[in-house]
N, C-alpha and C. Protein backbone atom coordinates (compact mmCIF):
# COMPACT_ATOMS: atom_id res chain seq x y z
N MET A 1 -13.38 -7.87 -7.65
CA MET A 1 -14.19 -8.58 -6.33
C MET A 1 -15.30 -7.20 -6.59
N VAL A 2 -14.98 -6.16 -6.90
CA VAL A 2 -16.50 -5.20 -6.87
C VAL A 2 -17.21 -5.16 -8.46
N MET A 3 -16.40 -5.29 -9.26
CA MET A 3 -17.10 -5.37 -10.39
C MET A 3 -18.23 -7.30 -10.43
N THR A 4 -17.29 -8.21 -9.99
CA THR A 4 -18.26 -8.83 -9.65
C THR A 4 -19.78 -8.51 -8.90
N ILE A 5 -19.56 -8.11 -7.55
CA ILE A 5 -20.27 -7.56 -7.03
C ILE A 5 -21.37 -6.74 -7.96
N ASN A 6 -21.18 -5.87 -8.19
CA ASN A 6 -22.13 -4.91 -8.64
C ASN A 6 -22.58 -5.69 -10.36
N SER A 7 -22.11 -6.49 -10.85
CA SER A 7 -22.38 -7.20 -11.96
C SER A 7 -23.81 -8.26 -11.13
N ALA A 8 -23.41 -9.00 -10.06
CA ALA A 8 -24.03 -9.62 -9.63
C ALA A 8 -25.64 -8.95 -9.15
N ILE A 9 -25.00 -7.69 -8.99
CA ILE A 9 -26.48 -6.66 -8.10
C ILE A 9 -27.58 -6.39 -9.44
N ARG A 10 -26.96 -6.35 -10.55
CA ARG A 10 -27.57 -6.32 -11.47
C ARG A 10 -28.69 -7.23 -12.07
N GLN A 11 -28.00 -8.23 -11.77
CA GLN A 11 -29.06 -9.60 -12.02
C GLN A 11 -30.16 -9.94 -11.23
N LEU A 12 -30.06 -9.20 -9.77
CA LEU A 12 -31.27 -9.76 -9.14
C LEU A 12 -32.24 -8.53 -9.33
N THR A 13 -33.77 -9.30 -8.73
CA THR A 13 -34.80 -8.18 -8.82
C THR A 13 -34.41 -7.45 -7.64
N ALA A 14 -35.24 -5.94 -7.58
CA ALA A 14 -35.28 -5.54 -6.42
C ALA A 14 -36.02 -5.87 -5.07
N THR A 15 -36.66 -6.79 -5.24
CA THR A 15 -37.22 -7.43 -4.10
C THR A 15 -35.74 -8.36 -3.76
N GLN A 16 -35.19 -9.04 -4.56
CA GLN A 16 -34.19 -9.88 -3.72
C GLN A 16 -33.32 -9.38 -3.46
N GLU A 17 -33.01 -8.59 -4.00
CA GLU A 17 -32.04 -7.11 -2.94
C GLU A 17 -32.25 -7.02 -1.84
N ASP A 18 -33.83 -6.73 -1.30
CA ASP A 18 -34.50 -6.64 -0.33
C ASP A 18 -34.48 -7.29 0.95
N TYR A 19 -34.29 -8.85 0.19
CA TYR A 19 -34.62 -10.08 1.07
C TYR A 19 -32.54 -10.00 1.38
N LEU A 20 -32.04 -9.59 0.70
CA LEU A 20 -30.69 -9.92 1.39
C LEU A 20 -29.89 -8.38 2.34
N GLU A 21 -30.89 -7.21 1.88
CA GLU A 21 -30.53 -6.47 3.10
C GLU A 21 -31.60 -6.64 4.50
N ILE A 22 -32.43 -7.22 4.30
CA ILE A 22 -33.32 -7.59 5.21
C ILE A 22 -32.66 -8.77 6.24
N ILE A 23 -32.24 -9.87 6.03
CA ILE A 23 -31.54 -10.87 6.49
C ILE A 23 -30.14 -10.05 6.97
N PHE A 24 -29.61 -9.00 6.32
CA PHE A 24 -28.25 -8.61 6.86
C PHE A 24 -28.73 -7.84 7.89
N ARG A 25 -29.54 -7.17 7.83
CA ARG A 25 -30.25 -6.37 9.17
C ARG A 25 -30.26 -6.76 10.31
N LEU A 26 -30.94 -8.32 10.14
CA LEU A 26 -31.79 -8.73 10.77
C LEU A 26 -30.50 -9.34 11.96
N ASN A 27 -29.34 -9.94 11.11
CA ASN A 27 -28.15 -10.19 11.78
C ASN A 27 -27.32 -9.50 12.64
N GLN A 28 -27.59 -7.89 12.11
CA GLN A 28 -26.92 -6.94 12.56
C GLN A 28 -27.92 -6.74 14.02
N ASP A 29 -28.49 -6.48 13.87
CA ASP A 29 -29.93 -6.39 14.89
C ASP A 29 -29.82 -7.78 16.28
N GLY A 30 -28.72 -8.29 15.93
CA GLY A 30 -28.70 -9.13 17.05
C GLY A 30 -29.25 -10.25 16.90
N LYS A 31 -29.78 -10.79 15.63
CA LYS A 31 -30.64 -12.03 15.56
C LYS A 31 -29.84 -12.68 14.84
N PRO A 32 -29.13 -13.77 15.38
CA PRO A 32 -27.85 -14.61 14.65
C PRO A 32 -28.64 -15.55 13.46
N THR A 33 -30.26 -15.84 13.65
CA THR A 33 -31.22 -16.75 12.98
C THR A 33 -32.29 -16.17 12.52
N VAL A 34 -31.85 -16.27 11.10
CA VAL A 34 -33.45 -15.55 11.02
C VAL A 34 -33.70 -16.89 9.60
N THR A 35 -35.49 -17.03 9.57
CA THR A 35 -36.17 -18.06 9.43
C THR A 35 -37.28 -16.97 8.46
N VAL A 36 -37.80 -18.37 7.33
CA VAL A 36 -38.66 -17.78 6.55
C VAL A 36 -39.59 -16.83 7.60
N THR A 37 -40.24 -17.25 8.42
CA THR A 37 -40.92 -16.82 9.19
C THR A 37 -41.33 -15.23 9.57
N ASP A 38 -39.43 -14.79 10.27
CA ASP A 38 -39.17 -13.81 10.45
C ASP A 38 -39.03 -13.07 9.60
N LEU A 39 -38.87 -13.42 8.29
CA LEU A 39 -38.79 -12.46 6.88
C LEU A 39 -40.31 -12.20 6.81
N ALA A 40 -41.17 -13.19 6.65
CA ALA A 40 -42.52 -12.90 6.67
C ALA A 40 -43.41 -11.90 6.75
N LYS A 41 -42.87 -11.73 8.66
CA LYS A 41 -43.49 -10.78 9.46
C LYS A 41 -43.09 -9.33 8.79
N ARG A 42 -41.29 -9.49 8.78
CA ARG A 42 -40.74 -8.07 8.21
C ARG A 42 -41.49 -7.43 7.09
N LEU A 43 -41.54 -8.26 6.16
CA LEU A 43 -41.81 -7.94 4.79
C LEU A 43 -43.26 -7.58 4.71
N GLY A 44 -44.07 -8.49 5.85
CA GLY A 44 -45.50 -8.14 5.62
C GLY A 44 -46.65 -9.41 4.62
N CYS A 45 -45.72 -10.20 3.54
CA CYS A 45 -46.17 -10.56 2.80
C CYS A 45 -46.63 -12.49 3.57
N GLN A 46 -46.94 -13.14 2.62
CA GLN A 46 -47.06 -14.69 2.91
C GLN A 46 -46.05 -15.49 3.05
N LEU A 47 -45.97 -16.59 3.38
CA LEU A 47 -45.09 -17.69 3.70
C LEU A 47 -44.68 -17.92 2.38
N PRO A 48 -45.54 -18.29 1.69
CA PRO A 48 -45.06 -19.27 0.59
C PRO A 48 -44.24 -18.18 -0.38
N THR A 49 -45.01 -16.81 -0.50
CA THR A 49 -43.88 -15.45 -1.39
C THR A 49 -42.62 -15.64 -0.51
N VAL A 50 -42.10 -15.60 0.24
CA VAL A 50 -40.92 -15.63 1.20
C VAL A 50 -40.20 -16.84 0.62
N THR A 51 -40.79 -17.77 0.72
CA THR A 51 -40.43 -19.38 0.40
C THR A 51 -40.03 -19.11 -0.93
N ARG A 52 -40.50 -18.92 -1.90
CA ARG A 52 -40.02 -18.80 -3.50
C ARG A 52 -38.70 -17.95 -3.51
N THR A 53 -38.81 -17.14 -3.08
CA THR A 53 -38.01 -16.02 -2.94
C THR A 53 -36.40 -16.72 -2.57
N ILE A 54 -36.85 -16.92 -1.23
CA ILE A 54 -35.72 -17.59 -0.19
C ILE A 54 -35.36 -19.19 -1.35
N LYS A 55 -36.30 -19.52 -2.33
CA LYS A 55 -35.74 -20.91 -3.19
C LYS A 55 -34.83 -20.25 -3.85
N ALA A 56 -35.11 -19.11 -4.94
CA ALA A 56 -34.21 -18.91 -6.24
C ALA A 56 -33.09 -17.94 -5.50
N LEU A 57 -33.16 -17.19 -4.29
CA LEU A 57 -32.03 -16.85 -3.90
C LEU A 57 -30.88 -18.18 -3.55
N THR A 58 -31.63 -19.03 -2.98
CA THR A 58 -29.85 -20.57 -2.37
C THR A 58 -29.73 -20.92 -3.89
N GLN A 59 -30.97 -20.81 -5.13
CA GLN A 59 -30.61 -21.88 -6.12
C GLN A 59 -29.25 -20.66 -6.98
N HIS A 60 -29.54 -19.86 -6.81
CA HIS A 60 -28.27 -18.30 -6.98
C HIS A 60 -27.14 -18.29 -6.12
N GLY A 61 -26.93 -18.82 -5.35
CA GLY A 61 -25.78 -18.98 -4.50
C GLY A 61 -25.75 -17.80 -3.39
N TYR A 62 -26.53 -17.11 -3.24
CA TYR A 62 -26.83 -15.73 -2.43
C TYR A 62 -26.87 -16.45 -0.91
N VAL A 63 -28.18 -17.51 -0.75
CA VAL A 63 -28.03 -17.87 0.68
C VAL A 63 -27.81 -19.15 0.52
N ILE A 64 -27.88 -19.77 2.08
CA ILE A 64 -27.64 -21.06 2.09
C ILE A 64 -29.21 -21.16 2.91
N HIS A 65 -30.05 -22.36 2.61
CA HIS A 65 -31.31 -22.76 3.44
C HIS A 65 -31.68 -24.16 2.98
N ARG A 66 -31.70 -24.41 4.14
CA ARG A 66 -32.48 -26.30 4.12
C ARG A 66 -34.27 -25.61 4.56
N PRO A 67 -35.01 -26.66 4.01
CA PRO A 67 -36.56 -26.44 4.39
C PRO A 67 -36.14 -26.07 5.70
N ARG A 68 -37.23 -25.52 6.39
CA ARG A 68 -37.33 -25.60 7.90
C ARG A 68 -36.25 -25.38 8.56
N GLU A 69 -35.22 -24.59 8.52
CA GLU A 69 -33.65 -24.25 9.03
C GLU A 69 -33.87 -22.68 8.81
N SER A 70 -32.82 -22.12 9.61
CA SER A 70 -32.57 -20.90 9.41
C SER A 70 -32.04 -20.15 7.93
N ILE A 71 -31.76 -18.82 7.61
CA ILE A 71 -31.30 -18.79 6.54
C ILE A 71 -29.74 -17.55 7.03
N GLN A 72 -29.23 -18.15 6.17
CA GLN A 72 -27.91 -17.47 6.19
C GLN A 72 -27.13 -17.07 4.75
N LEU A 73 -26.45 -15.86 4.91
CA LEU A 73 -26.35 -15.37 3.69
C LEU A 73 -24.46 -16.02 3.49
N SER A 74 -24.69 -15.91 2.34
CA SER A 74 -23.08 -16.97 1.78
C SER A 74 -22.40 -15.73 1.40
N ASP A 75 -21.09 -15.68 1.23
CA ASP A 75 -20.17 -14.83 1.11
C ASP A 75 -20.44 -13.82 -0.25
N GLN A 76 -20.89 -14.49 -1.52
CA GLN A 76 -21.22 -13.69 -2.02
C GLN A 76 -22.80 -12.29 -1.68
N GLY A 77 -23.58 -13.40 -0.99
CA GLY A 77 -25.10 -12.31 -0.51
C GLY A 77 -24.54 -11.72 0.55
N LEU A 78 -23.35 -12.19 1.36
CA LEU A 78 -23.36 -11.52 2.36
C LEU A 78 -22.65 -9.98 1.75
N ALA A 79 -21.56 -10.19 0.68
CA ALA A 79 -21.04 -8.99 -0.42
C ALA A 79 -21.75 -8.10 -0.64
N ILE A 80 -22.95 -8.37 -1.45
CA ILE A 80 -23.99 -7.88 -1.93
C ILE A 80 -25.02 -7.33 -0.74
N ALA A 81 -25.32 -7.72 0.22
CA ALA A 81 -25.78 -7.35 1.22
C ALA A 81 -25.65 -5.79 1.92
N GLN A 82 -24.21 -5.55 2.08
CA GLN A 82 -23.47 -4.72 2.42
C GLN A 82 -23.69 -3.85 1.27
N GLN A 83 -23.49 -4.50 0.31
CA GLN A 83 -23.47 -2.82 -0.62
C GLN A 83 -24.83 -2.42 -0.62
N VAL A 84 -25.77 -2.98 -0.68
CA VAL A 84 -27.01 -2.98 -0.82
C VAL A 84 -27.20 -1.95 0.27
N THR A 85 -27.44 -2.39 1.22
CA THR A 85 -27.26 -1.16 2.79
C THR A 85 -26.81 -0.22 2.96
N HIS A 86 -25.41 -0.39 2.24
CA HIS A 86 -24.61 0.92 2.08
C HIS A 86 -25.20 1.97 1.29
N ARG A 87 -25.82 1.33 0.47
CA ARG A 87 -26.30 2.18 -0.76
C ARG A 87 -27.50 3.23 0.13
N HIS A 88 -28.18 1.99 0.67
CA HIS A 88 -29.90 2.51 1.44
C HIS A 88 -29.41 3.48 2.40
N ASP A 89 -28.77 3.23 3.24
CA ASP A 89 -28.43 4.18 4.33
C ASP A 89 -27.56 5.65 3.76
N ASP A 90 -27.38 5.56 2.64
CA ASP A 90 -26.23 6.91 2.30
C ASP A 90 -27.68 8.11 1.30
N THR A 91 -28.28 7.00 0.38
CA THR A 91 -29.24 7.61 -0.17
C THR A 91 -30.72 8.12 1.18
N GLU A 92 -30.87 7.34 2.26
CA GLU A 92 -31.45 7.58 3.33
C GLU A 92 -31.51 8.85 4.06
N ALA A 93 -29.63 8.78 4.56
CA ALA A 93 -28.92 10.65 4.76
C ALA A 93 -29.09 11.17 3.89
N PHE A 94 -28.89 10.97 2.87
CA PHE A 94 -29.23 12.13 1.73
C PHE A 94 -30.85 12.67 1.96
N LEU A 95 -31.02 12.30 1.89
CA LEU A 95 -32.62 12.72 1.82
C LEU A 95 -33.33 13.56 3.22
N HIS A 96 -32.93 12.60 4.23
CA HIS A 96 -33.32 13.19 5.25
C HIS A 96 -31.80 14.71 5.54
N THR A 97 -30.79 14.31 5.65
CA THR A 97 -29.90 15.02 6.58
C THR A 97 -29.82 16.20 5.50
N VAL A 98 -29.59 15.94 3.97
CA VAL A 98 -29.53 17.06 2.78
C VAL A 98 -31.09 17.94 2.59
N LEU A 99 -31.67 17.05 2.33
CA LEU A 99 -33.18 17.45 1.16
C LEU A 99 -34.08 17.74 2.73
N CYS A 100 -33.91 17.33 3.99
CA CYS A 100 -34.08 17.45 5.43
C CYS A 100 -35.88 17.19 4.93
N LEU A 101 -35.87 15.87 4.29
CA LEU A 101 -37.37 14.69 4.76
C LEU A 101 -37.61 14.45 5.68
N ASP A 102 -38.42 14.33 6.11
CA ASP A 102 -38.60 13.73 7.66
C ASP A 102 -38.71 12.18 6.96
N ALA A 103 -38.13 11.71 8.50
CA ALA A 103 -37.28 10.47 8.64
C ALA A 103 -38.19 9.07 7.92
N GLU A 104 -39.39 9.08 8.11
CA GLU A 104 -40.43 8.09 7.58
C GLU A 104 -40.28 8.00 6.09
N THR A 105 -40.73 9.96 5.33
CA THR A 105 -40.55 9.55 4.12
C THR A 105 -39.07 9.55 3.10
N ALA A 106 -38.04 9.98 4.11
CA ALA A 106 -36.46 9.61 3.49
C ALA A 106 -36.79 8.21 3.55
N THR A 107 -37.12 6.92 4.63
CA THR A 107 -36.58 5.55 4.49
C THR A 107 -37.64 5.19 3.60
N ALA A 108 -38.78 5.54 3.17
CA ALA A 108 -39.39 5.08 2.33
C ALA A 108 -39.05 5.39 1.03
N ASP A 109 -38.28 6.55 0.74
CA ASP A 109 -37.96 6.98 -0.85
C ASP A 109 -36.89 6.48 -0.87
N ALA A 110 -35.79 5.74 0.33
CA ALA A 110 -34.48 5.31 0.04
C ALA A 110 -34.67 4.07 -0.26
N CYS A 111 -36.04 3.56 0.06
CA CYS A 111 -35.94 1.77 -0.68
C CYS A 111 -36.03 2.09 -1.89
N LYS A 112 -36.78 2.85 -2.52
CA LYS A 112 -37.22 2.85 -3.73
C LYS A 112 -35.74 3.65 -4.60
N ILE A 113 -35.54 4.11 -4.44
CA ILE A 113 -34.04 4.85 -5.01
C ILE A 113 -33.35 3.65 -4.94
N GLU A 114 -32.97 3.40 -4.25
CA GLU A 114 -31.64 2.54 -3.91
C GLU A 114 -31.11 1.68 -4.76
N HIS A 115 -32.25 0.65 -5.49
CA HIS A 115 -32.23 -0.23 -6.95
C HIS A 115 -31.69 0.48 -7.79
N GLY A 116 -32.00 1.72 -8.05
CA GLY A 116 -31.95 2.08 -9.14
C GLY A 116 -30.61 3.10 -9.81
N LEU A 117 -29.51 2.94 -8.57
CA LEU A 117 -28.27 3.90 -8.34
C LEU A 117 -27.26 2.72 -9.06
N SER A 118 -26.55 3.71 -10.19
CA SER A 118 -25.05 3.05 -11.20
C SER A 118 -24.54 2.97 -9.79
N PRO A 119 -23.46 1.79 -9.71
CA PRO A 119 -21.95 2.21 -8.71
C PRO A 119 -21.65 3.73 -8.94
N LEU A 120 -21.36 4.26 -9.93
CA LEU A 120 -21.00 5.62 -9.70
C LEU A 120 -21.58 6.33 -8.93
N ALA A 121 -22.62 6.69 -9.20
CA ALA A 121 -23.82 7.32 -8.40
C ALA A 121 -23.95 6.61 -7.02
N ALA A 122 -23.65 5.92 -6.61
CA ALA A 122 -23.40 5.29 -5.34
C ALA A 122 -21.96 5.52 -4.45
N GLN A 123 -20.96 5.55 -5.43
CA GLN A 123 -19.91 6.03 -5.19
C GLN A 123 -19.78 7.78 -4.53
N ARG A 124 -20.31 8.53 -5.77
CA ARG A 124 -20.44 9.82 -5.44
C ARG A 124 -21.38 10.10 -4.25
N LEU A 125 -22.98 10.18 -4.25
CA LEU A 125 -23.29 10.05 -2.85
C LEU A 125 -23.28 9.64 -1.87
N HIS A 126 -22.26 8.69 -1.55
CA HIS A 126 -21.37 8.58 -0.32
C HIS A 126 -20.30 9.61 -0.04
N ALA A 127 -19.71 9.83 -1.22
CA ALA A 127 -18.95 10.81 -0.98
C ALA A 127 -19.53 12.20 -0.70
N PHE A 128 -20.38 12.59 -1.13
CA PHE A 128 -21.12 13.64 -1.01
C PHE A 128 -21.56 13.81 0.73
N ILE A 129 -22.07 12.72 0.37
CA ILE A 129 -22.90 12.91 2.20
C ILE A 129 -21.43 12.98 3.10
N LYS A 130 -20.58 12.32 3.12
CA LYS A 130 -19.16 12.50 3.68
C LYS A 130 -18.73 13.96 3.98
N CYS A 131 -18.50 14.49 2.73
CA CYS A 131 -18.16 16.05 2.92
C CYS A 131 -19.12 16.98 3.46
N PHE A 132 -20.31 16.49 2.73
CA PHE A 132 -21.60 17.06 3.46
C PHE A 132 -21.45 17.28 5.30
N LEU A 133 -21.17 15.81 5.75
CA LEU A 133 -21.32 15.51 7.13
C LEU A 133 -19.88 16.39 7.93
N ASP A 134 -18.97 16.25 6.81
CA ASP A 134 -17.49 17.34 7.97
C ASP A 134 -17.66 18.83 7.88
N LEU A 135 -19.03 19.51 6.73
CA LEU A 135 -19.00 20.89 7.00
C LEU A 135 -18.99 21.72 7.87
N PRO A 136 -18.70 22.92 8.56
CA PRO A 136 -19.15 23.09 9.86
C PRO A 136 -20.83 23.31 9.56
N LEU A 137 -21.19 23.25 11.07
CA LEU A 137 -22.57 23.13 11.54
C LEU A 137 -23.19 24.56 10.84
N ASP A 138 -22.79 25.83 10.47
CA ASP A 138 -23.43 26.77 10.04
C ASP A 138 -23.85 26.38 8.58
N VAL A 139 -22.37 25.70 8.01
CA VAL A 139 -22.95 25.68 6.52
C VAL A 139 -24.07 24.61 6.39
N GLN A 140 -23.81 23.44 6.57
CA GLN A 140 -24.87 22.77 7.05
C GLN A 140 -25.96 23.02 6.54
N THR A 141 -26.47 23.67 7.73
CA THR A 141 -27.42 24.91 7.81
C THR A 141 -28.06 25.89 7.11
N HIS A 142 -27.29 26.10 6.63
CA HIS A 142 -27.17 27.68 5.16
C HIS A 142 -27.95 26.15 3.87
N ILE A 143 -27.17 25.00 3.93
CA ILE A 143 -27.67 24.24 2.77
C ILE A 143 -29.05 23.61 2.98
N GLN A 144 -29.24 23.31 4.17
CA GLN A 144 -30.36 22.86 4.41
C GLN A 144 -31.76 24.11 4.47
N THR A 145 -31.34 24.85 5.15
CA THR A 145 -32.36 26.51 4.42
C THR A 145 -32.45 26.77 3.46
N SER A 146 -31.72 26.51 2.44
CA SER A 146 -32.04 27.05 1.22
C SER A 146 -32.62 25.82 0.50
N VAL A 147 -32.23 24.51 0.62
CA VAL A 147 -33.28 23.14 0.10
C VAL A 147 -34.79 23.63 0.87
N GLN A 148 -34.74 23.82 2.07
CA GLN A 148 -36.11 24.27 2.51
C GLN A 148 -36.80 25.30 1.82
N SER A 149 -36.61 26.54 1.20
CA SER A 149 -36.70 27.75 0.88
C SER A 149 -37.56 27.01 -0.44
N ILE A 150 -36.83 26.73 -1.37
CA ILE A 150 -37.65 26.45 -2.73
C ILE A 150 -38.85 25.37 -2.71
N ASP A 151 -38.76 25.00 -1.56
CA ASP A 151 -40.39 23.99 -1.09
C ASP A 151 -41.28 25.25 -1.84
N LYS A 152 -41.69 26.60 -1.06
CA LYS A 152 -42.53 27.58 -1.17
C LYS A 152 -42.82 28.03 -2.64
N HIS A 153 -41.48 27.73 -3.38
CA HIS A 153 -41.38 27.63 -5.17
C HIS A 153 -41.76 26.62 -5.89
N ALA A 154 -42.12 25.59 -5.56
CA ALA A 154 -42.19 24.00 -6.22
C ALA A 154 -44.13 23.72 -6.00
N GLN A 155 -44.29 24.38 -6.34
CA GLN A 155 -46.56 23.85 -6.55
C GLN A 155 -46.35 22.82 -7.60
N LEU A 156 -46.11 23.01 -8.97
CA LEU A 156 -45.90 22.17 -9.58
C LEU A 156 -45.80 20.90 -9.02
N PHE A 157 -44.86 20.47 -8.23
CA PHE A 157 -44.26 19.21 -7.85
C PHE A 157 -45.69 18.62 -6.83
N ASN A 158 -46.18 19.56 -6.29
CA ASN A 158 -47.00 19.13 -5.31
C ASN A 158 -48.39 18.05 -6.68
N ARG A 159 -48.59 18.16 -7.30
CA ARG A 159 -49.43 17.64 -8.27
C ARG A 159 -49.15 16.43 -9.00
N ILE A 160 -48.04 16.01 -8.65
CA ILE A 160 -47.11 14.74 -9.24
C ILE A 160 -47.71 13.53 -7.98
N GLN A 161 -48.70 12.55 -8.49
CA GLN A 161 -48.60 11.71 -7.64
C GLN A 161 -47.65 10.67 -6.96
N SER A 162 -47.73 10.39 -5.83
CA SER A 162 -46.79 9.25 -5.42
C SER A 162 -47.27 7.68 -6.10
N HIS A 163 -46.31 7.04 -6.29
CA HIS A 163 -46.62 5.86 -6.94
C HIS A 163 -46.86 4.79 -5.68
N ARG A 164 -47.84 3.64 -5.75
CA ARG A 164 -48.51 2.92 -4.86
C ARG A 164 -46.88 2.01 -4.25
N GLN A 165 -46.87 2.15 -2.85
CA GLN A 165 -45.71 1.83 -2.12
C GLN A 165 -46.40 0.30 -1.85
N SER A 166 -46.05 -0.64 -1.94
CA SER A 166 -45.83 -2.44 -0.93
C SER A 166 -45.67 -1.53 0.27
N PRO A 167 -46.65 -2.09 1.66
CA PRO A 167 -46.60 -2.28 2.51
C PRO A 167 -45.62 -2.18 3.52
N TRP A 168 -44.85 -3.29 2.96
CA TRP A 168 -43.50 -4.06 3.49
C TRP A 168 -42.11 -2.61 3.39
N ARG A 169 -42.07 -2.00 2.15
CA ARG A 169 -41.22 -0.93 2.25
C ARG A 169 -41.37 0.00 2.88
N HIS A 170 -42.24 0.31 3.60
CA HIS A 170 -42.38 1.29 4.76
C HIS A 170 -41.47 1.61 5.99
């Protein structure tokens, strides 16, 4: 089953993965029915754009949707959405908790990074986060302080331009 899910994820675009993740998160946040309008608001894009993407996800069996009705994740879509959400949460936790990025930056960067992680990298990142959080607080603090002390020596990185990000991924 894991191989099937990982193979399916590689066939999806980053945008399609984001749609599955957002539908899943909206369901988790207590919204049992998700509409095209809900997604357009959350993503900050036009209804036709959402409709095209949902149509493609429906054709590939990741969501169940009929025009003017709610959108539901299929079993396959749910499995992928859970995996993508898990990858995002682990990446965000690493960036915020270990690398001490502010929450907003960690969230935005996690959205960019999550799509490029291999299954092995995602597994190891998850294991690392679990190990880090099990460390005594003073050891966690020491690691965080060490990471932050590098900032003053990293002048070169300040010259690297950030890539433009779509507004809905912030």
